[in-house]
């Protein structure tokens, strides 16, 4: 009797990638609006920190488009040239986003140093109202994307969430700096530049974390131990499996690839052992672990003493 189809079909994977891509595109539209608002407010309000913040939002637009493209590619089903699918496009997109984060941190840092060396007039108080709105919107949207990224274990969505959070951080730093400049008066004109400089250090640090996670996935680093333990538990619960020996789990975009060795009764026929292997495979494919490919190797269990 044929086994039931797996729950995580290519169509399901494509649907999850499509939902993620739509969420990223929403961020593109948001950044487009906020970039224009920040640049206008920064120029009219004489705030270098706000202008720098607006430029970073423009960079966010390009990086978000790269993430969107990564999801569109990752959603493609396996083919002759890519038998395991196109999932690697997703961490590659996350890696490129991390480069944008480094560039943004460097640009803001350079701009801040120039602002410190060449003080300018204190910004207008109205820029504070703009920054409060930007921080609130960005925090809300970053949390939404982060939750989605955790739900599908997406490195690219996690990177995108941090990119929005970094935008909120630079805006918050600009708010603090402008507030100090306005309250302190003469002699405190460089406060917003110092605040932006501090923010760029935090942004660069988190960009390193995103790049590291993406590189590990591209290099086929084993999945988290918790995921492997869950795979072992599902396979070990299949009737006829005496013991789970080797278990290799790799993350490929939004799904996992599994290579597993199971021990069965050595007196079973080849057909019976094959049926147990099929049962293990489909148990993992039907599980909520987002497994899309399983290779099962059957070995004879040691006879009882």
Protein backbone atom coordinates (compact mmCIF):
# COMPACT_ATOMS: atom_id res chain seq x y z
CA UNK A 1 0.00 0.00 0.00
CA UNK A 2 1.52 3.37 -0.96
CA UNK A 3 2.35 5.76 1.86
CA UNK A 4 0.32 8.96 2.15
CA UNK A 5 1.84 12.06 0.61
CA UNK A 6 4.05 14.25 2.80
CA UNK A 7 2.57 17.32 4.40
CA UNK A 8 5.48 19.58 3.32
CA UNK A 9 5.06 19.42 -0.46
CA UNK A 10 6.91 21.72 -2.91
CA UNK A 11 3.65 23.68 -3.17
CA UNK A 12 3.62 24.17 0.62
CA UNK A 13 7.24 25.34 0.56
CA UNK A 14 6.46 27.73 -2.28
CA UNK A 15 3.49 29.10 -0.34
CA UNK A 16 5.63 29.78 2.73
CA UNK A 17 8.28 31.47 0.60
CA UNK A 18 5.59 33.54 -1.12
CA UNK A 19 4.17 34.71 2.22
CA UNK A 20 7.66 35.70 3.34
CA UNK A 21 8.29 37.53 0.07
CA UNK A 22 5.05 39.51 0.45
CA UNK A 23 6.06 40.52 3.96
CA UNK A 24 9.44 41.72 2.69
CA UNK A 25 7.76 43.70 -0.09
CA UNK A 26 5.63 45.42 2.54
CA UNK A 27 8.89 46.52 4.14
CA UNK A 28 10.07 47.92 0.81
CA UNK A 29 6.98 50.12 0.56
CA UNK A 30 7.38 51.20 4.19
CA UNK A 31 11.04 52.13 3.71
CA UNK A 32 10.22 54.10 0.58
CA UNK A 33 7.77 56.29 2.48
CA UNK A 34 9.98 56.68 5.55
CA UNK A 35 13.13 57.44 3.53
CA UNK A 36 11.41 60.39 1.87
CA UNK A 37 10.03 61.61 5.19
CA UNK A 38 13.41 61.37 6.95
CA UNK A 39 15.37 63.08 4.20
CA UNK A 40 12.87 65.94 3.97
CA UNK A 41 12.74 66.37 7.75
CA UNK A 42 16.53 66.10 8.04
CA UNK A 43 17.22 68.76 5.43
CA UNK A 44 14.51 71.16 6.62
CA UNK A 45 15.25 70.48 10.30
CA UNK A 46 19.06 70.75 9.96
CA UNK A 47 19.69 67.25 11.38
CA UNK A 48 22.67 65.33 10.00
CA UNK A 49 21.64 62.27 12.00
CA UNK A 50 18.19 62.28 10.40
CA UNK A 51 19.65 62.69 6.91
CA UNK A 52 21.96 59.73 7.58
CA UNK A 53 18.96 57.79 8.83
CA UNK A 54 17.12 58.56 5.61
CA UNK A 55 20.03 57.36 3.49
CA UNK A 56 20.09 54.11 5.45
CA UNK A 57 16.40 53.64 4.66
CA UNK A 58 17.22 53.98 0.98
CA UNK A 59 19.81 51.22 1.37
CA UNK A 60 17.18 49.15 3.16
CA UNK A 61 15.03 49.29 0.04
CA UNK A 62 17.73 47.67 -2.10
CA UNK A 63 18.59 45.04 0.50
CA UNK A 64 14.90 44.16 0.94
CA UNK A 65 14.56 43.69 -2.81
CA UNK A 66 17.48 41.24 -2.65
CA UNK A 67 15.77 39.28 0.13
CA UNK A 68 12.55 39.29 -1.90
CA UNK A 69 14.43 37.89 -4.87
CA UNK A 70 16.02 35.23 -2.65
CA UNK A 71 12.61 33.99 -1.54
CA UNK A 72 11.31 33.91 -5.10
CA UNK A 73 14.24 31.70 -6.11
CA UNK A 74 14.02 29.53 -2.98
CA UNK A 75 10.36 28.81 -3.78
CA UNK A 76 11.26 27.05 -7.02
CA UNK A 77 10.80 23.26 -6.92
CA UNK A 78 13.73 20.85 -7.34
CA UNK A 79 14.91 20.23 -10.90
CA UNK A 80 17.60 18.26 -12.72
CA UNK A 81 20.30 20.82 -11.91
CA UNK A 82 19.13 21.38 -8.32
CA UNK A 83 17.78 18.01 -7.05
CA UNK A 84 17.63 19.32 -3.46
CA UNK A 85 15.79 22.48 -4.41
CA UNK A 86 16.86 26.13 -4.45
CA UNK A 87 16.77 26.75 -0.71
CA UNK A 88 20.35 28.07 -0.55
CA UNK A 89 19.16 31.26 -2.24
CA UNK A 90 17.63 32.28 1.08
CA UNK A 91 20.82 32.32 3.24
CA UNK A 92 22.76 33.84 0.33
CA UNK A 93 20.25 36.71 0.36
CA UNK A 94 20.78 37.03 4.13
CA UNK A 95 24.54 37.20 3.56
CA UNK A 96 24.14 40.00 1.02
CA UNK A 97 21.87 41.88 3.46
CA UNK A 98 24.60 41.66 6.10
CA UNK A 99 26.97 43.37 3.64
CA UNK A 100 24.43 46.17 3.25
CA UNK A 101 24.29 46.46 7.04
CA UNK A 102 28.09 46.79 7.21
CA UNK A 103 28.02 49.41 4.49
CA UNK A 104 25.26 51.35 6.24
CA UNK A 105 27.19 51.22 9.54
CA UNK A 106 30.34 52.48 7.84
CA UNK A 107 28.50 55.26 6.01
CA UNK A 108 26.76 56.44 9.17
CA UNK A 109 30.03 56.25 11.10
CA UNK A 110 31.87 58.37 8.52
CA UNK A 111 29.02 60.86 8.38
CA UNK A 112 28.99 61.07 12.19
CA UNK A 113 32.72 61.72 12.44
CA UNK A 114 32.39 64.56 9.95
CA UNK A 115 29.54 65.99 12.03
CA UNK A 116 31.71 65.86 15.15
CA UNK A 117 34.71 67.51 13.46
CA UNK A 118 32.56 70.16 11.78
CA UNK A 119 29.70 71.13 14.15
CA UNK A 120 26.53 72.56 12.66
CA UNK A 121 23.55 74.45 14.01
CA UNK A 122 21.27 72.57 16.42
CA UNK A 123 18.41 70.71 14.68
CA UNK A 124 14.82 71.92 14.80
CA UNK A 125 12.65 70.49 17.58
CA UNK A 126 10.05 69.25 15.05
CA UNK A 127 12.48 66.53 13.95
CA UNK A 128 11.85 64.81 17.28
CA UNK A 129 8.21 64.19 16.39
CA UNK A 130 9.24 62.57 13.11
CA UNK A 131 11.73 60.31 14.88
CA UNK A 132 9.20 59.15 17.48
CA UNK A 133 6.85 58.02 14.72
CA UNK A 134 9.66 56.28 12.80
CA UNK A 135 10.88 54.37 15.86
CA UNK A 136 7.36 53.17 16.74
CA UNK A 137 6.61 52.01 13.19
CA UNK A 138 9.97 50.30 12.73
CA UNK A 139 9.84 48.42 16.04
CA UNK A 140 6.35 47.14 15.25
CA UNK A 141 7.33 45.99 11.76
CA UNK A 142 10.63 44.42 12.86
CA UNK A 143 8.85 42.35 15.51
CA UNK A 144 6.32 41.18 12.95
CA UNK A 145 9.04 40.06 10.54
CA UNK A 146 11.09 38.48 13.34
CA UNK A 147 8.10 36.40 14.44
CA UNK A 148 7.59 35.25 10.85
CA UNK A 149 11.30 34.46 10.53
CA UNK A 150 11.29 32.32 13.66
CA UNK A 151 8.15 30.51 12.53
CA UNK A 152 9.80 29.36 9.28
CA UNK A 153 13.43 29.32 10.54
CA UNK A 154 14.46 31.84 7.90
CA UNK A 155 17.89 33.45 8.11
CA UNK A 156 16.89 36.02 5.49
CA UNK A 157 13.77 37.12 7.39
CA UNK A 158 15.78 37.33 10.62
CA UNK A 159 18.31 39.53 8.80
CA UNK A 160 15.50 41.64 7.39
CA UNK A 161 13.99 42.01 10.87
CA UNK A 162 17.32 43.21 12.23
CA UNK A 163 17.68 45.65 9.36
CA UNK A 164 14.37 47.26 10.37
CA UNK A 165 15.44 47.17 14.01
CA UNK A 166 18.74 48.83 13.09
CA UNK A 167 16.75 51.57 11.40
CA UNK A 168 14.77 52.03 14.61
CA UNK A 169 18.03 52.10 16.58
CA UNK A 170 19.59 54.83 14.46
CA UNK A 171 16.37 56.83 14.69
CA UNK A 172 16.31 56.41 18.47
CA UNK A 173 19.96 57.47 18.67
CA UNK A 174 19.16 60.51 16.56
CA UNK A 175 16.27 61.34 18.90
CA UNK A 176 18.55 61.18 21.95
CA UNK A 177 21.26 63.22 20.27
CA UNK A 178 18.90 65.91 18.99
CA UNK A 179 17.23 66.13 22.40
CA UNK A 180 20.61 66.67 24.09
CA UNK A 181 21.56 69.27 21.47
CA UNK A 182 18.30 71.19 21.97
CA UNK A 183 18.35 70.99 25.77
CA UNK A 184 22.08 71.63 26.16
CA UNK A 185 22.13 74.54 23.76
CA UNK A 186 25.40 76.07 22.60
CA UNK A 187 28.31 73.63 22.77
CA UNK A 188 26.10 70.54 22.38
CA UNK A 189 25.53 70.78 18.62
CA UNK A 190 27.47 67.56 17.94
CA UNK A 191 25.31 65.44 20.25
CA UNK A 192 23.24 63.96 17.40
CA UNK A 193 26.44 63.01 15.54
CA UNK A 194 27.83 61.25 18.62
CA UNK A 195 24.54 59.39 19.04
CA UNK A 196 24.61 58.22 15.42
CA UNK A 197 28.23 57.08 15.85
CA UNK A 198 27.27 54.96 18.86
CA UNK A 199 24.38 53.43 16.94
CA UNK A 200 26.57 52.42 13.99
CA UNK A 201 28.79 50.34 16.30
CA UNK A 202 25.78 48.31 17.49
CA UNK A 203 24.55 47.92 13.91
CA UNK A 204 27.93 46.62 12.71
CA UNK A 205 28.11 44.13 15.60
CA UNK A 206 24.71 42.66 14.77
CA UNK A 207 25.57 42.63 11.07
CA UNK A 208 28.47 40.33 11.97
CA UNK A 209 26.06 37.96 13.74
CA UNK A 210 23.77 37.84 10.72
CA UNK A 211 26.68 37.21 8.34
CA UNK A 212 28.01 34.41 10.54
CA UNK A 213 24.63 32.62 10.68
CA UNK A 214 24.18 32.90 6.91
CA UNK A 215 27.71 31.63 6.20
CA UNK A 216 27.22 28.63 8.48
CA UNK A 217 24.09 27.66 6.56
CA UNK A 218 25.74 28.14 3.16
CA UNK A 219 28.64 25.94 4.36
CA UNK A 220 26.15 23.16 5.24
CA UNK A 221 26.74 23.36 8.97
CA UNK A 222 24.62 20.83 10.87
CA UNK A 223 21.24 22.02 12.09
CA UNK A 224 20.68 22.88 15.73
CA UNK A 225 20.92 19.94 18.13
CA UNK A 226 17.27 20.40 19.10
CA UNK A 227 16.21 19.82 15.48
CA UNK A 228 18.34 16.66 15.26
CA UNK A 229 16.85 15.39 18.53
CA UNK A 230 13.34 15.95 17.17
CA UNK A 231 14.22 14.04 14.00
CA UNK A 232 15.63 11.17 16.06
CA UNK A 233 12.49 11.10 18.21
CA UNK A 234 10.17 10.90 15.20
CA UNK A 235 12.24 8.18 13.50
CA UNK A 236 12.68 6.22 16.72
CA UNK A 237 8.92 6.15 17.23
CA UNK A 238 8.28 4.25 14.00
CA UNK A 239 7.25 0.61 14.50
CA UNK A 240 10.13 -1.76 13.79
CA UNK A 241 12.93 0.71 14.48
CA UNK A 242 15.20 -0.68 17.18
CA UNK A 243 17.62 2.23 17.32
CA UNK A 244 18.57 5.39 15.45
CA UNK A 245 22.29 5.49 14.73
CA UNK A 246 23.64 8.27 12.50
CA UNK A 247 21.50 11.29 11.89
CA UNK A 248 22.55 14.21 9.72
CA UNK A 249 20.28 17.21 9.38
CA UNK A 250 21.06 20.15 7.10
CA UNK A 251 19.08 23.34 6.77
CA UNK A 252 18.34 24.36 3.20
CA UNK A 253 16.48 27.66 3.10
CA UNK A 254 13.08 27.17 4.72
CA UNK A 255 13.34 23.37 5.07
CA UNK A 256 15.59 20.56 6.29
CA UNK A 257 17.32 17.66 4.53
CA UNK A 258 17.79 14.46 6.55
CA UNK A 259 20.22 11.54 6.16
CA UNK A 260 19.50 8.90 8.81
CA UNK A 261 20.59 5.34 9.70
CA UNK A 262 18.14 3.10 11.59
CA UNK A 263 18.62 -0.37 13.08
CA UNK A 264 15.94 -3.02 12.54
CA UNK A 265 15.61 -6.72 13.30
CA UNK A 266 18.34 -8.47 11.32
CA UNK A 267 16.07 -11.45 10.62
CA UNK A 268 13.63 -9.37 8.57
CA UNK A 269 13.47 -9.76 4.82
CA UNK A 270 14.78 -7.05 2.51
CA UNK A 271 11.17 -6.10 1.65
CA UNK A 272 10.21 -5.79 5.32
CA UNK A 273 13.26 -3.64 6.07
CA UNK A 274 12.42 -1.49 3.08
CA UNK A 275 8.87 -0.94 4.35
CA UNK A 276 10.23 0.23 7.72
CA UNK A 277 12.56 2.64 5.93
CA UNK A 278 9.60 4.01 3.94
CA UNK A 279 7.65 4.42 7.16
CA UNK A 280 10.54 6.39 8.70
CA UNK A 281 10.79 8.59 5.63
CA UNK A 282 7.11 9.47 5.49
CA UNK A 283 6.88 9.92 9.26
CA UNK A 284 9.53 12.64 8.97
CA UNK A 285 7.96 14.20 5.86
CA UNK A 286 4.56 14.35 7.57
CA UNK A 287 6.00 15.76 10.79
CA UNK A 288 5.84 19.50 11.59
CA UNK A 289 9.65 19.72 11.24
CA UNK A 290 9.60 21.16 7.67
CA UNK A 291 11.59 18.20 6.32
CA UNK A 292 11.46 18.01 2.50
CA UNK A 293 13.93 15.22 1.71
CA UNK A 294 14.93 12.09 3.65
CA UNK A 295 17.50 9.38 2.89
CA UNK A 296 17.07 6.31 5.15
CA UNK A 297 19.75 3.62 5.50
CA UNK A 298 18.70 0.37 7.17
CA UNK A 299 21.15 -1.69 9.23
CA UNK A 300 20.63 -4.99 11.12
CA UNK A 301 20.34 -4.65 14.86
CA UNK A 302 22.67 -6.71 17.03
CA UNK A 303 20.97 -9.94 18.16
CA UNK A 304 19.97 -10.04 21.84
CA UNK A 305 22.60 -11.57 24.13
